[in-house]
Each structure stands twice: as C-alpha cells, then as structure tokens.
Amino acid sequence: MDVDERLRGRIMRAVFDESREPLGEAGARAASIWAGALGRIDLITGIGQSLAFSGIALNLGVQAVVRRADALVFGIFGGALGVLTVLTIVFLAVRYGRARSYARAHPVEPAEA
C-alpha cells in the first residue's frame, strides 16, 4: 500500500467515520483541504497519463504514415488509444465530480465547544 493511499485512508476515515468523535472545526477544515488536494492530484495525474496515451497514439499514426507499413493496424491501434484517452478523461472527471458531490452532501460537523 502506497503512502498516499494510507494517508487518504486515514483522512477519509477521520472525515466520514460517524462513529468517532467529531474533529472540531479546525480539524474538519484541515481534513477537507487534504481530501480535496488528494482528489485534485488524482485528477491531474490521470489527465497526464491520458495525454501520454494520446502522444503514443499520435506517434504511432505518424510512423504508420511515414513507413506505410501496416498502416491499417497502426491506425486502428492509434484510434483505440485515442478513444481510451477520451474515456479515461471522462471517467476521471465523473469520479472527481462524484467525490465533490459526496463531500458536499456529507459535511463534517464541528465539535461542540
């Protein structure tokens, strides 16, 4: 398990585990900031990977045109990678949107003073 995953697990348990004592206003704010930052890092990393796949697809397409060897196979493979890129970006955007919606729908109540 990655350090990032352990940290995310701790944050999510602290924020969304209703059996524990509330974190207090400062703790809730800090946990919310960390959870949002980790979600944005996931989104940016996923988009970077998708762009890398697009670069691979473009490179394969250029090679197919230049070499004129197996152009159909390279074209199909490049097109499939392009479709995969678009689907990955859509999937990550939907996942990020659902996480934000869940966080808004389940706010953390500050502890009573």
Protein backbone atom coordinates (compact mmCIF):
# COMPACT_ATOMS: atom_id res chain seq x y z
CA MET A 1 0.00 0.00 0.00
CA ASP A 2 1.37 3.37 -1.03
CA VAL A 3 1.95 6.17 1.48
CA ASP A 4 -0.57 8.26 -0.47
CA GLU A 5 -3.19 5.53 -0.12
CA ARG A 6 -2.61 5.18 3.63
CA LEU A 7 -2.84 8.94 4.10
CA ARG A 8 -6.02 9.10 2.01
CA GLY A 9 -7.50 6.22 4.02
CA ARG A 10 -6.76 7.98 7.31
CA ILE A 11 -8.25 11.22 6.06
CA MET A 12 -11.40 9.55 4.76
CA ARG A 13 -11.86 7.57 7.98
CA ALA A 14 -11.37 10.71 10.04
CA VAL A 15 -13.77 12.75 7.92
CA PHE A 16 -16.51 10.24 7.11
CA ASP A 17 -16.49 7.81 10.06
CA GLU A 18 -19.54 8.82 12.06
CA SER A 19 -18.75 6.50 14.99
CA ARG A 20 -15.78 8.64 16.00
CA GLU A 21 -15.84 11.92 17.83
CA PRO A 22 -16.13 14.98 15.57
CA LEU A 23 -12.80 16.53 14.63
CA GLY A 24 -13.58 20.06 15.61
CA GLU A 25 -13.76 22.98 13.21
CA ALA A 26 -10.02 23.30 12.56
CA GLY A 27 -9.57 19.55 12.15
CA ALA A 28 -12.55 19.29 9.82
CA ARG A 29 -11.24 22.16 7.71
CA ALA A 30 -7.75 20.60 7.51
CA ALA A 31 -9.15 17.18 6.58
CA SER A 32 -11.36 18.74 3.91
CA ILE A 33 -8.41 20.61 2.41
CA TRP A 34 -6.27 17.45 2.35
CA ALA A 35 -9.05 15.35 0.81
CA GLY A 36 -9.63 17.98 -1.88
CA ALA A 37 -5.91 18.23 -2.62
CA LEU A 38 -5.57 14.46 -2.98
CA GLY A 39 -8.59 14.40 -5.32
CA ARG A 40 -7.05 17.11 -7.50
CA ILE A 41 -3.71 15.27 -7.58
CA ASP A 42 -5.55 12.12 -8.75
CA LEU A 43 -7.30 14.09 -11.48
CA ILE A 44 -4.12 15.80 -12.69
CA THR A 45 -2.18 12.52 -12.68
CA GLY A 46 -4.93 10.78 -14.65
CA ILE A 47 -5.07 13.56 -17.24
CA GLY A 48 -1.28 13.39 -17.57
CA GLN A 49 -1.48 9.67 -18.22
CA SER A 50 -4.22 10.23 -20.77
CA LEU A 51 -2.13 12.82 -22.57
CA ALA A 52 0.77 10.36 -22.62
CA PHE A 53 -1.51 7.80 -24.29
CA SER A 54 -2.52 10.47 -26.83
CA GLY A 55 1.14 11.12 -27.56
CA ILE A 56 1.73 7.41 -28.12
CA ALA A 57 -1.27 7.24 -30.46
CA LEU A 58 -0.07 10.27 -32.43
CA ASN A 59 3.44 8.82 -32.67
CA LEU A 60 2.09 5.51 -33.95
CA GLY A 61 -0.06 7.29 -36.51
CA VAL A 62 2.91 9.32 -37.80
CA GLN A 63 5.05 6.18 -38.00
CA ALA A 64 2.31 4.42 -39.97
CA VAL A 65 2.09 7.25 -42.49
CA VAL A 66 5.86 7.62 -42.84
CA ARG A 67 6.64 3.94 -43.15
CA ARG A 68 3.41 2.99 -44.96
CA ALA A 69 3.75 -0.44 -43.39
CA ASP A 70 0.76 -1.93 -41.63
CA ALA A 71 -0.96 1.45 -41.72
CA LEU A 72 -4.33 -0.13 -41.03
CA VAL A 73 -3.10 -1.90 -37.90
CA PHE A 74 -1.36 1.22 -36.61
CA GLY A 75 -4.40 3.34 -37.44
CA ILE A 76 -6.75 1.02 -35.58
CA PHE A 77 -4.41 0.83 -32.59
CA GLY A 78 -3.88 4.60 -32.55
CA GLY A 79 -7.62 5.20 -32.81
CA ALA A 80 -8.27 2.79 -29.96
CA LEU A 81 -5.73 4.62 -27.80
CA GLY A 82 -7.40 7.92 -28.67
CA VAL A 83 -10.80 6.58 -27.63
CA LEU A 84 -9.25 5.18 -24.44
CA THR A 85 -7.80 8.63 -23.72
CA VAL A 86 -11.18 10.34 -24.05
CA LEU A 87 -12.90 7.68 -21.94
CA THR A 88 -10.21 7.98 -19.25
CA ILE A 89 -10.64 11.76 -19.04
CA VAL A 90 -14.44 11.40 -18.85
CA PHE A 91 -14.14 8.68 -16.18
CA LEU A 92 -11.79 10.79 -14.06
CA ALA A 93 -13.98 13.88 -14.38
CA VAL A 94 -17.08 11.91 -13.33
CA ARG A 95 -15.19 10.33 -10.41
CA TYR A 96 -13.92 13.71 -9.26
CA GLY A 97 -17.41 15.21 -9.57
CA ARG A 98 -18.96 12.40 -7.54
CA ALA A 99 -16.34 12.79 -4.82
CA ARG A 100 -17.06 16.52 -4.61
CA SER A 101 -20.82 15.88 -4.52
CA TYR A 102 -20.38 13.33 -1.74
CA ALA A 103 -18.22 15.73 0.26
CA ARG A 104 -20.83 18.49 -0.13
CA ALA A 105 -23.69 16.17 0.81
CA HIS A 106 -21.91 14.87 3.92
CA PRO A 107 -20.34 17.89 5.60
CA VAL A 108 -18.31 17.35 8.74
CA GLU A 109 -19.95 18.88 11.77
CA PRO A 110 -17.56 20.77 14.06
CA ALA A 111 -17.31 19.56 17.65
CA GLU A 112 -19.32 21.46 20.21
CA ALA A 113 -17.21 23.69 22.41
